[in-house]
Amino acid sequence: MDKLSFNDEIEFNENHVISKVIVETSFSKEIRILIKSGQVMKEHKTPFPIIIHIIQGNLKLGVQSEMYDMKDGDIIALDGNIPHNLIAVEDSIVRLTLSKHDKVERVKSVLEN
């Protein structure tokens, strides 16, 4: 067992969204996403279900042509293959829970494109 902190090394980047795997378990991967006000994660989808939890900030979450205002503490579960995007209204810290079977590289490729 390791004790980890989701709040260590919080440094937003002006030029791109930052992601970091905080912990990987036998069933999930917990990823921290730092998205600065005005930054966008363009529409994408994952083959597995995900959970998006807003730790801090304010985002617009687009899901299948609907926009949701997401703020501190809000959480949403999405099934696999559901197109979604994020737009940061404020500097935001997001906890993304991926299936153990999903690949972190897929998330990084979304952030780079």
N, C-alpha and C. Protein backbone atom coordinates (compact mmCIF):
# COMPACT_ATOMS: atom_id res chain seq x y z
N MET A 1 0.85 -1.18 0.00
CA MET A 1 0.00 0.00 0.00
C MET A 1 0.89 1.24 0.00
N ASP A 2 0.56 2.17 -0.87
CA ASP A 2 1.26 3.45 -0.93
C ASP A 2 0.28 4.56 -0.59
N LYS A 3 0.75 5.54 0.16
CA LYS A 3 -0.06 6.73 0.42
C LYS A 3 0.37 7.79 -0.59
N LEU A 4 -0.58 8.27 -1.35
CA LEU A 4 -0.31 9.24 -2.40
C LEU A 4 -1.18 10.47 -2.21
N SER A 5 -0.79 11.57 -2.85
CA SER A 5 -1.60 12.78 -2.77
C SER A 5 -1.99 13.25 -4.17
N PHE A 6 -3.26 13.51 -4.32
CA PHE A 6 -3.78 14.05 -5.58
C PHE A 6 -3.36 15.51 -5.75
N ASN A 7 -2.96 16.15 -4.64
CA ASN A 7 -2.68 17.59 -4.66
C ASN A 7 -1.21 17.96 -4.76
N ASP A 8 -0.32 16.98 -4.85
CA ASP A 8 1.11 17.29 -5.00
C ASP A 8 1.42 17.77 -6.41
N GLU A 9 2.35 18.70 -6.51
CA GLU A 9 2.88 19.17 -7.81
C GLU A 9 1.80 19.71 -8.74
N ILE A 10 0.96 20.57 -8.24
CA ILE A 10 -0.07 21.21 -9.06
C ILE A 10 0.57 22.40 -9.78
N GLU A 11 0.81 22.25 -11.07
CA GLU A 11 1.37 23.33 -11.89
C GLU A 11 0.68 23.33 -13.24
N PHE A 12 -0.14 24.34 -13.46
CA PHE A 12 -0.82 24.48 -14.74
C PHE A 12 0.17 24.93 -15.80
N ASN A 13 -0.11 24.58 -17.06
CA ASN A 13 0.74 24.97 -18.17
C ASN A 13 -0.07 25.86 -19.11
N GLU A 14 0.50 26.99 -19.49
CA GLU A 14 -0.19 27.94 -20.38
C GLU A 14 -0.46 27.35 -21.77
N ASN A 15 0.39 26.40 -22.20
CA ASN A 15 0.34 25.92 -23.58
C ASN A 15 -0.40 24.62 -23.80
N HIS A 16 -0.53 23.80 -22.76
CA HIS A 16 -1.22 22.53 -22.95
C HIS A 16 -1.75 21.96 -21.64
N VAL A 17 -2.72 21.08 -21.79
CA VAL A 17 -3.34 20.38 -20.67
C VAL A 17 -2.32 19.36 -20.14
N ILE A 18 -2.25 19.24 -18.82
CA ILE A 18 -1.32 18.32 -18.17
C ILE A 18 -2.08 17.13 -17.60
N SER A 19 -1.56 15.93 -17.83
CA SER A 19 -2.15 14.74 -17.21
C SER A 19 -1.06 13.95 -16.49
N LYS A 20 -1.47 13.30 -15.41
CA LYS A 20 -0.53 12.48 -14.64
C LYS A 20 -1.28 11.33 -14.00
N VAL A 21 -0.76 10.12 -14.16
CA VAL A 21 -1.34 8.97 -13.47
C VAL A 21 -0.95 9.09 -12.00
N ILE A 22 -1.94 9.15 -11.13
CA ILE A 22 -1.69 9.27 -9.70
C ILE A 22 -1.56 7.89 -9.07
N VAL A 23 -2.45 6.99 -9.44
CA VAL A 23 -2.40 5.62 -8.91
C VAL A 23 -3.04 4.67 -9.91
N GLU A 24 -2.49 3.48 -9.97
CA GLU A 24 -3.06 2.42 -10.80
C GLU A 24 -3.34 1.23 -9.89
N THR A 25 -4.57 0.74 -9.94
CA THR A 25 -4.97 -0.37 -9.09
C THR A 25 -5.27 -1.60 -9.95
N SER A 26 -5.76 -2.64 -9.33
CA SER A 26 -6.10 -3.85 -10.07
C SER A 26 -7.34 -3.67 -10.93
N PHE A 27 -8.09 -2.55 -10.74
CA PHE A 27 -9.32 -2.35 -11.49
C PHE A 27 -9.42 -0.99 -12.18
N SER A 28 -8.54 -0.03 -11.82
CA SER A 28 -8.67 1.31 -12.43
C SER A 28 -7.34 2.03 -12.51
N LYS A 29 -7.36 3.12 -13.26
CA LYS A 29 -6.26 4.07 -13.33
C LYS A 29 -6.85 5.42 -12.96
N GLU A 30 -6.27 6.07 -11.96
CA GLU A 30 -6.74 7.37 -11.50
C GLU A 30 -5.77 8.43 -12.05
N ILE A 31 -6.30 9.31 -12.88
CA ILE A 31 -5.48 10.30 -13.57
C ILE A 31 -5.91 11.69 -13.15
N ARG A 32 -4.91 12.56 -12.90
CA ARG A 32 -5.19 13.96 -12.61
C ARG A 32 -4.97 14.74 -13.89
N ILE A 33 -5.95 15.56 -14.25
CA ILE A 33 -5.85 16.44 -15.41
C ILE A 33 -5.89 17.87 -14.91
N LEU A 34 -4.89 18.66 -15.31
CA LEU A 34 -4.85 20.09 -15.00
C LEU A 34 -5.14 20.83 -16.30
N ILE A 35 -6.25 21.53 -16.33
CA ILE A 35 -6.68 22.23 -17.54
C ILE A 35 -6.90 23.70 -17.20
N LYS A 36 -6.12 24.54 -17.83
CA LYS A 36 -6.13 25.98 -17.56
C LYS A 36 -7.33 26.64 -18.24
N SER A 37 -7.82 27.70 -17.65
CA SER A 37 -8.94 28.46 -18.20
C SER A 37 -8.73 28.71 -19.69
N GLY A 38 -9.73 28.38 -20.50
CA GLY A 38 -9.68 28.59 -21.94
C GLY A 38 -9.15 27.40 -22.72
N GLN A 39 -8.51 26.45 -22.05
CA GLN A 39 -8.00 25.28 -22.76
C GLN A 39 -9.14 24.31 -23.05
N VAL A 40 -8.94 23.49 -24.09
CA VAL A 40 -9.97 22.58 -24.58
C VAL A 40 -9.40 21.18 -24.75
N MET A 41 -10.18 20.20 -24.39
CA MET A 41 -9.92 18.82 -24.80
C MET A 41 -10.97 18.54 -25.86
N LYS A 42 -10.52 18.42 -27.11
CA LYS A 42 -11.48 18.27 -28.21
C LYS A 42 -12.27 16.97 -28.08
N GLU A 43 -13.33 16.88 -28.85
CA GLU A 43 -14.22 15.73 -28.77
C GLU A 43 -13.46 14.43 -29.01
N HIS A 44 -13.72 13.47 -28.17
CA HIS A 44 -13.10 12.16 -28.25
C HIS A 44 -14.01 11.16 -27.56
N LYS A 45 -13.64 9.90 -27.61
CA LYS A 45 -14.39 8.88 -26.88
C LYS A 45 -13.43 7.78 -26.47
N THR A 46 -13.85 6.99 -25.51
CA THR A 46 -13.05 5.89 -24.98
C THR A 46 -13.82 4.59 -25.16
N PRO A 47 -13.12 3.50 -25.37
CA PRO A 47 -13.83 2.23 -25.55
C PRO A 47 -14.43 1.68 -24.25
N PHE A 48 -14.05 2.23 -23.11
CA PHE A 48 -14.50 1.73 -21.81
C PHE A 48 -15.21 2.84 -21.04
N PRO A 49 -16.04 2.50 -20.06
CA PRO A 49 -16.66 3.52 -19.21
C PRO A 49 -15.60 4.33 -18.46
N ILE A 50 -15.93 5.59 -18.16
CA ILE A 50 -15.05 6.48 -17.40
C ILE A 50 -15.86 7.22 -16.35
N ILE A 51 -15.15 7.79 -15.38
CA ILE A 51 -15.75 8.70 -14.41
C ILE A 51 -14.95 9.99 -14.44
N ILE A 52 -15.65 11.12 -14.55
CA ILE A 52 -15.04 12.44 -14.52
C ILE A 52 -15.49 13.13 -13.25
N HIS A 53 -14.52 13.53 -12.41
CA HIS A 53 -14.82 14.15 -11.13
C HIS A 53 -14.08 15.49 -11.07
N ILE A 54 -14.80 16.57 -10.91
CA ILE A 54 -14.19 17.90 -10.83
C ILE A 54 -13.77 18.13 -9.38
N ILE A 55 -12.47 18.17 -9.18
CA ILE A 55 -11.93 18.41 -7.84
C ILE A 55 -12.01 19.90 -7.52
N GLN A 56 -11.62 20.71 -8.52
CA GLN A 56 -11.60 22.17 -8.34
C GLN A 56 -11.79 22.82 -9.70
N GLY A 57 -12.54 23.91 -9.73
CA GLY A 57 -12.68 24.68 -10.97
C GLY A 57 -14.06 24.64 -11.56
N ASN A 58 -14.12 24.95 -12.84
CA ASN A 58 -15.38 25.02 -13.57
C ASN A 58 -15.10 24.67 -15.02
N LEU A 59 -15.84 23.71 -15.54
CA LEU A 59 -15.68 23.24 -16.91
C LEU A 59 -17.03 23.17 -17.60
N LYS A 60 -16.99 23.24 -18.90
CA LYS A 60 -18.14 22.88 -19.72
C LYS A 60 -17.83 21.51 -20.29
N LEU A 61 -18.73 20.56 -20.04
CA LEU A 61 -18.57 19.21 -20.55
C LEU A 61 -19.60 18.99 -21.64
N GLY A 62 -19.13 18.75 -22.83
CA GLY A 62 -20.02 18.45 -23.95
C GLY A 62 -20.18 16.95 -24.09
N VAL A 63 -21.43 16.49 -24.07
CA VAL A 63 -21.73 15.07 -24.23
C VAL A 63 -22.85 14.94 -25.24
N GLN A 64 -22.54 14.38 -26.41
CA GLN A 64 -23.54 14.15 -27.45
C GLN A 64 -24.44 15.37 -27.67
N SER A 65 -23.84 16.48 -27.99
CA SER A 65 -24.52 17.73 -28.34
C SER A 65 -25.17 18.45 -27.15
N GLU A 66 -25.02 17.96 -25.94
CA GLU A 66 -25.50 18.64 -24.74
C GLU A 66 -24.30 19.22 -24.01
N MET A 67 -24.45 20.42 -23.39
CA MET A 67 -23.39 21.02 -22.60
C MET A 67 -23.80 21.02 -21.13
N TYR A 68 -22.88 20.59 -20.28
CA TYR A 68 -23.11 20.54 -18.85
C TYR A 68 -22.09 21.42 -18.14
N ASP A 69 -22.57 22.23 -17.20
CA ASP A 69 -21.68 23.05 -16.38
C ASP A 69 -21.21 22.17 -15.23
N MET A 70 -19.92 21.96 -15.14
CA MET A 70 -19.34 21.10 -14.11
C MET A 70 -18.47 21.95 -13.20
N LYS A 71 -18.71 21.86 -11.89
CA LYS A 71 -17.96 22.67 -10.93
C LYS A 71 -17.49 21.80 -9.77
N ASP A 72 -16.77 22.41 -8.82
CA ASP A 72 -16.20 21.70 -7.67
C ASP A 72 -17.14 20.62 -7.15
N GLY A 73 -16.62 19.40 -7.09
CA GLY A 73 -17.36 18.30 -6.50
C GLY A 73 -18.25 17.53 -7.45
N ASP A 74 -18.57 18.08 -8.62
CA ASP A 74 -19.45 17.38 -9.55
C ASP A 74 -18.75 16.15 -10.12
N ILE A 75 -19.55 15.13 -10.37
CA ILE A 75 -19.03 13.87 -10.89
C ILE A 75 -20.01 13.32 -11.91
N ILE A 76 -19.48 12.70 -12.95
CA ILE A 76 -20.33 12.13 -13.99
C ILE A 76 -19.69 10.83 -14.48
N ALA A 77 -20.51 9.84 -14.74
CA ALA A 77 -20.06 8.57 -15.29
C ALA A 77 -20.53 8.49 -16.74
N LEU A 78 -19.62 8.12 -17.63
CA LEU A 78 -19.97 7.96 -19.05
C LEU A 78 -19.67 6.53 -19.48
N ASP A 79 -20.57 5.96 -20.24
CA ASP A 79 -20.31 4.66 -20.84
C ASP A 79 -19.26 4.80 -21.93
N GLY A 80 -18.70 3.71 -22.34
CA GLY A 80 -17.74 3.72 -23.43
C GLY A 80 -18.39 4.17 -24.74
N ASN A 81 -17.57 4.67 -25.64
CA ASN A 81 -17.98 5.10 -26.98
C ASN A 81 -18.97 6.26 -26.99
N ILE A 82 -18.95 7.09 -25.95
CA ILE A 82 -19.79 8.29 -25.88
C ILE A 82 -18.89 9.49 -26.20
N PRO A 83 -19.13 10.19 -27.32
CA PRO A 83 -18.31 11.38 -27.64
C PRO A 83 -18.49 12.46 -26.57
N HIS A 84 -17.37 13.06 -26.16
CA HIS A 84 -17.40 14.12 -25.16
C HIS A 84 -16.19 15.04 -25.34
N ASN A 85 -16.31 16.26 -24.82
CA ASN A 85 -15.22 17.23 -24.85
C ASN A 85 -15.28 18.08 -23.58
N LEU A 86 -14.16 18.76 -23.29
CA LEU A 86 -14.08 19.62 -22.12
C LEU A 86 -13.57 20.99 -22.52
N ILE A 87 -14.15 22.03 -21.93
CA ILE A 87 -13.69 23.41 -22.11
C ILE A 87 -13.57 24.00 -20.70
N ALA A 88 -12.37 24.46 -20.35
CA ALA A 88 -12.14 25.02 -19.01
C ALA A 88 -12.64 26.45 -18.94
N VAL A 89 -13.56 26.72 -18.04
CA VAL A 89 -14.05 28.07 -17.77
C VAL A 89 -13.11 28.74 -16.77
N GLU A 90 -12.57 27.94 -15.84
CA GLU A 90 -11.58 28.37 -14.85
C GLU A 90 -10.46 27.34 -14.84
N ASP A 91 -9.31 27.69 -14.28
CA ASP A 91 -8.28 26.68 -14.04
C ASP A 91 -8.95 25.55 -13.25
N SER A 92 -8.79 24.31 -13.73
CA SER A 92 -9.53 23.20 -13.14
C SER A 92 -8.65 21.98 -12.92
N ILE A 93 -8.97 21.26 -11.85
CA ILE A 93 -8.32 19.99 -11.54
C ILE A 93 -9.38 18.91 -11.66
N VAL A 94 -9.10 17.92 -12.51
CA VAL A 94 -10.07 16.87 -12.82
C VAL A 94 -9.48 15.52 -12.44
N ARG A 95 -10.28 14.72 -11.80
CA ARG A 95 -9.91 13.31 -11.56
C ARG A 95 -10.64 12.48 -12.60
N LEU A 96 -9.86 11.78 -13.41
CA LEU A 96 -10.40 10.91 -14.44
C LEU A 96 -10.12 9.47 -14.04
N THR A 97 -11.19 8.68 -13.93
CA THR A 97 -11.04 7.26 -13.61
C THR A 97 -11.23 6.47 -14.88
N LEU A 98 -10.18 5.71 -15.23
CA LEU A 98 -10.22 4.85 -16.41
C LEU A 98 -10.30 3.39 -15.98
N SER A 99 -10.85 2.57 -16.83
CA SER A 99 -10.79 1.13 -16.65
C SER A 99 -9.34 0.68 -16.70
N LYS A 100 -9.02 -0.34 -15.97
CA LYS A 100 -7.68 -0.94 -16.00
C LYS A 100 -7.31 -1.33 -17.43
N HIS A 101 -8.30 -1.64 -18.26
CA HIS A 101 -8.05 -2.10 -19.62
C HIS A 101 -7.79 -0.96 -20.60
N ASP A 102 -8.11 0.26 -20.21
CA ASP A 102 -7.88 1.42 -21.07
C ASP A 102 -6.40 1.80 -21.01
N LYS A 103 -5.97 2.56 -22.00
CA LYS A 103 -4.55 2.92 -22.09
C LYS A 103 -4.35 4.41 -21.79
N VAL A 104 -3.40 4.71 -20.94
CA VAL A 104 -3.05 6.08 -20.61
C VAL A 104 -2.56 6.80 -21.86
N GLU A 105 -1.90 6.09 -22.75
CA GLU A 105 -1.41 6.68 -24.00
C GLU A 105 -2.54 7.25 -24.85
N ARG A 106 -3.72 6.64 -24.76
CA ARG A 106 -4.88 7.15 -25.50
C ARG A 106 -5.25 8.53 -24.98
N VAL A 107 -5.24 8.70 -23.66
CA VAL A 107 -5.55 9.99 -23.06
C VAL A 107 -4.51 11.03 -23.50
N LYS A 108 -3.25 10.66 -23.45
CA LYS A 108 -2.19 11.58 -23.85
C LYS A 108 -2.31 11.98 -25.31
N SER A 109 -2.75 11.06 -26.19
CA SER A 109 -2.90 11.41 -27.59
C SER A 109 -4.06 12.39 -27.79
N VAL A 110 -5.10 12.28 -26.97
CA VAL A 110 -6.20 13.26 -27.03
C VAL A 110 -5.68 14.64 -26.64
N LEU A 111 -4.85 14.70 -25.61
CA LEU A 111 -4.31 15.97 -25.15
C LEU A 111 -3.36 16.60 -26.16
N GLU A 112 -2.65 15.78 -26.91
CA GLU A 112 -1.66 16.31 -27.87
C GLU A 112 -2.29 16.77 -29.17
N ASN A 113 -3.47 16.28 -29.50
CA ASN A 113 -4.10 16.61 -30.79
C ASN A 113 -5.09 17.74 -30.68
